[in-house]
Amino acid sequence: MWDELAQCESSGDWAADTGNGYYGGLQIWPPTWAETGGPNFADRPDHATRREQIFVAEEILRRQGWEAWPHCSLAIGAQHIPPSPRPEPGAGPSPDPDPDPGPESPPESGSETDPGWGPEPGFEADPEPDPGAGPETWSGSWPDADRHRPASGPGG
């Protein structure tokens, strides 16, 4: 719901500063930001994280209702959604429910979203070597091994 509202208010730009006097993804007016706990996170909404803006927006919703966002709340059909309960004193925003892990973080192995990290299906790891069997030796050859062998030089 908050992402839909932000899409309507600011084209989904959580760092929006369009020069209209309202800031962030939900286009919050600075005095309202200050009155509802925003300065605990950042000086202005556009300097706060998405989750921090939502945390403050939930307080705005409890105090003002959907009239704080009259056009967009109507446009997305949010006016029937009640505000969430007030958090315990001292509670901050919960972790973002949809963090972007970024390209460096592979999905959990074996997960349904695992697009191919790890071994191919059907791969079986070699059994643990027998310590009493001595050093491992290999007497095979690689396919196309000659292609990677250096050419004989002079006198070779």
Protein backbone atom coordinates (compact mmCIF):
# COMPACT_ATOMS: atom_id res chain seq x y z
CA MET A 1 0.00 0.00 0.00
CA TRP A 2 2.76 2.50 0.90
CA ASP A 3 4.67 1.74 -2.29
CA GLU A 4 1.47 2.34 -4.30
CA LEU A 5 0.91 5.61 -2.48
CA ALA A 6 4.52 6.66 -3.12
CA GLN A 7 4.11 5.75 -6.79
CA CYS A 8 1.18 8.14 -6.97
CA GLU A 9 2.73 10.89 -4.83
CA SER A 10 6.30 10.93 -6.17
CA SER A 11 6.56 8.35 -8.96
CA GLY A 12 7.98 6.02 -6.32
CA ASP A 13 11.00 8.22 -5.59
CA TRP A 14 11.66 7.86 -1.86
CA ALA A 15 14.30 10.63 -2.10
CA ALA A 16 11.99 13.09 -3.91
CA ASP A 17 12.73 16.79 -3.50
CA THR A 18 10.70 18.40 -6.26
CA GLY A 19 10.73 21.95 -4.89
CA ASN A 20 7.04 21.94 -3.94
CA GLY A 21 7.67 22.04 -0.16
CA TYR A 22 6.85 18.35 0.35
CA TYR A 23 9.54 15.68 0.54
CA GLY A 24 10.21 11.97 0.19
CA GLY A 25 8.26 9.20 -1.41
CA LEU A 26 5.07 10.10 0.42
CA GLN A 27 5.47 13.87 -0.03
CA ILE A 28 5.44 14.77 3.66
CA TRP A 29 5.36 18.42 4.73
CA PRO A 30 8.32 19.23 7.06
CA PRO A 31 6.18 20.48 10.00
CA THR A 32 4.16 17.25 9.85
CA TRP A 33 7.42 15.26 9.69
CA ALA A 34 8.64 17.10 12.81
CA GLU A 35 5.35 16.62 14.73
CA THR A 36 5.21 12.87 14.09
CA GLY A 37 8.72 11.81 15.05
CA GLY A 38 10.55 12.20 11.76
CA PRO A 39 13.55 14.03 13.23
CA ASN A 40 14.38 10.84 15.14
CA PHE A 41 15.46 9.48 11.75
CA ALA A 42 16.46 12.39 9.51
CA ASP A 43 16.08 16.14 9.16
CA ARG A 44 13.66 15.75 6.22
CA PRO A 45 11.67 12.86 4.75
CA ASP A 46 13.77 12.69 1.59
CA HIS A 47 16.85 12.05 3.74
CA ALA A 48 15.21 9.12 5.55
CA THR A 49 15.00 5.53 4.35
CA ARG A 50 11.86 4.12 2.80
CA ARG A 51 11.06 2.22 5.99
CA GLU A 52 11.60 5.28 8.19
CA GLN A 53 9.28 7.32 5.99
CA ILE A 54 6.65 4.59 6.26
CA PHE A 55 7.06 4.45 10.04
CA VAL A 56 6.38 8.20 10.28
CA ALA A 57 3.58 7.96 7.69
CA GLU A 58 1.82 5.39 9.86
CA GLU A 59 1.80 7.93 12.71
CA ILE A 60 0.50 10.62 10.33
CA LEU A 61 -2.23 8.20 9.26
CA ARG A 62 -3.20 7.55 12.91
CA ARG A 63 -3.42 11.30 13.57
CA GLN A 64 -4.87 12.67 10.32
CA GLY A 65 -6.34 9.69 8.54
CA TRP A 66 -6.10 9.33 4.78
CA GLU A 67 -6.87 13.04 4.40
CA ALA A 68 -3.11 13.55 4.69
CA TRP A 69 -2.96 12.13 1.15
CA PRO A 70 -6.44 12.97 -0.19
CA HIS A 71 -5.95 12.47 -3.92
CA CYS A 72 -3.60 9.50 -3.98
CA SER A 73 -5.22 7.55 -1.13
CA LEU A 74 -8.49 7.75 -3.06
CA ALA A 75 -6.77 6.91 -6.35
CA ILE A 76 -5.26 3.69 -4.94
CA GLY A 77 -8.35 2.76 -2.90
CA ALA A 78 -6.58 2.96 0.46
CA GLN A 79 -9.20 4.99 2.32
CA HIS A 80 -10.88 1.85 3.70
CA ILE A 81 -7.61 0.57 5.26
CA PRO A 82 -7.39 1.35 8.98
CA PRO A 83 -4.16 2.62 10.53
CA SER A 84 -1.90 0.05 12.15
CA PRO A 85 -1.77 0.01 15.97
CA ARG A 86 0.58 2.44 17.63
CA PRO A 87 3.98 0.80 18.31
CA GLU A 88 5.34 0.37 21.82
CA PRO A 89 7.18 3.44 23.17
CA GLY A 90 10.76 3.51 21.96
CA ALA A 91 10.07 1.15 19.07
CA GLY A 92 11.59 2.12 15.78
CA PRO A 93 10.84 0.97 12.29
CA SER A 94 11.09 -2.73 11.65
CA PRO A 95 13.62 -3.91 9.09
CA ASP A 96 12.59 -3.35 5.51
CA PRO A 97 10.48 -6.37 4.57
CA ASP A 98 11.81 -6.35 1.03
CA PRO A 99 15.51 -5.53 1.16
CA ASP A 100 17.42 -5.79 -2.09
CA PRO A 101 20.35 -8.15 -1.41
CA GLY A 102 22.25 -6.79 -4.41
CA PRO A 103 24.15 -8.75 -7.02
CA GLU A 104 26.93 -9.86 -4.67
CA SER A 105 24.61 -11.97 -2.52
CA PRO A 106 23.71 -15.30 -4.09
CA PRO A 107 20.30 -16.72 -3.21
CA GLU A 108 20.13 -19.38 -0.54
CA SER A 109 21.32 -22.65 -1.98
CA GLY A 110 18.50 -24.93 -2.89
CA SER A 111 15.91 -22.15 -2.78
CA GLU A 112 13.28 -21.87 -5.47
CA THR A 113 14.85 -18.58 -6.55
CA ASP A 114 18.27 -20.19 -6.96
CA PRO A 115 18.88 -19.61 -10.70
CA GLY A 116 21.91 -21.84 -10.93
CA TRP A 117 24.30 -21.05 -8.12
CA GLY A 118 26.12 -24.17 -7.05
CA PRO A 119 26.44 -27.57 -8.72
CA GLU A 120 24.29 -28.76 -11.59
CA PRO A 121 21.31 -30.98 -10.74
CA GLY A 122 22.44 -34.57 -10.33
CA PHE A 123 25.99 -33.58 -9.32
CA GLU A 124 27.44 -35.81 -6.63
CA ALA A 125 30.45 -34.69 -4.68
CA ASP A 126 33.44 -36.98 -4.50
CA PRO A 127 33.52 -39.02 -1.31
CA GLU A 128 36.01 -37.97 1.35
CA PRO A 129 39.47 -39.33 0.48
CA ASP A 130 40.75 -42.31 2.44
CA PRO A 131 43.75 -40.99 4.43
CA GLY A 132 45.43 -44.41 4.24
CA ALA A 133 45.19 -44.60 0.45
CA GLY A 134 48.25 -42.46 -0.18
CA PRO A 135 48.57 -39.48 -2.50
CA GLU A 136 46.00 -39.08 -5.23
CA THR A 137 47.18 -39.65 -8.76
CA TRP A 138 45.46 -39.14 -12.05
CA SER A 139 46.41 -40.92 -15.20
CA GLY A 140 43.78 -39.55 -17.57
CA SER A 141 44.00 -36.67 -19.99
CA TRP A 142 41.90 -33.60 -20.46
CA PRO A 143 39.82 -33.37 -23.63
CA ASP A 144 41.63 -31.18 -26.17
CA ALA A 145 44.73 -31.20 -23.95
CA ASP A 146 46.98 -30.76 -26.98
CA ARG A 147 45.27 -27.50 -27.83
CA HIS A 148 46.49 -25.97 -24.57
CA ARG A 149 49.99 -27.46 -24.63
CA PRO A 150 52.72 -24.99 -25.60
CA ALA A 151 54.22 -25.47 -29.03
CA SER A 152 57.71 -26.91 -29.14
CA GLY A 153 60.33 -24.22 -29.34
CA PRO A 154 63.69 -24.37 -31.01
CA GLY A 155 65.54 -27.53 -30.10
CA GLY A 156 62.34 -29.02 -28.65
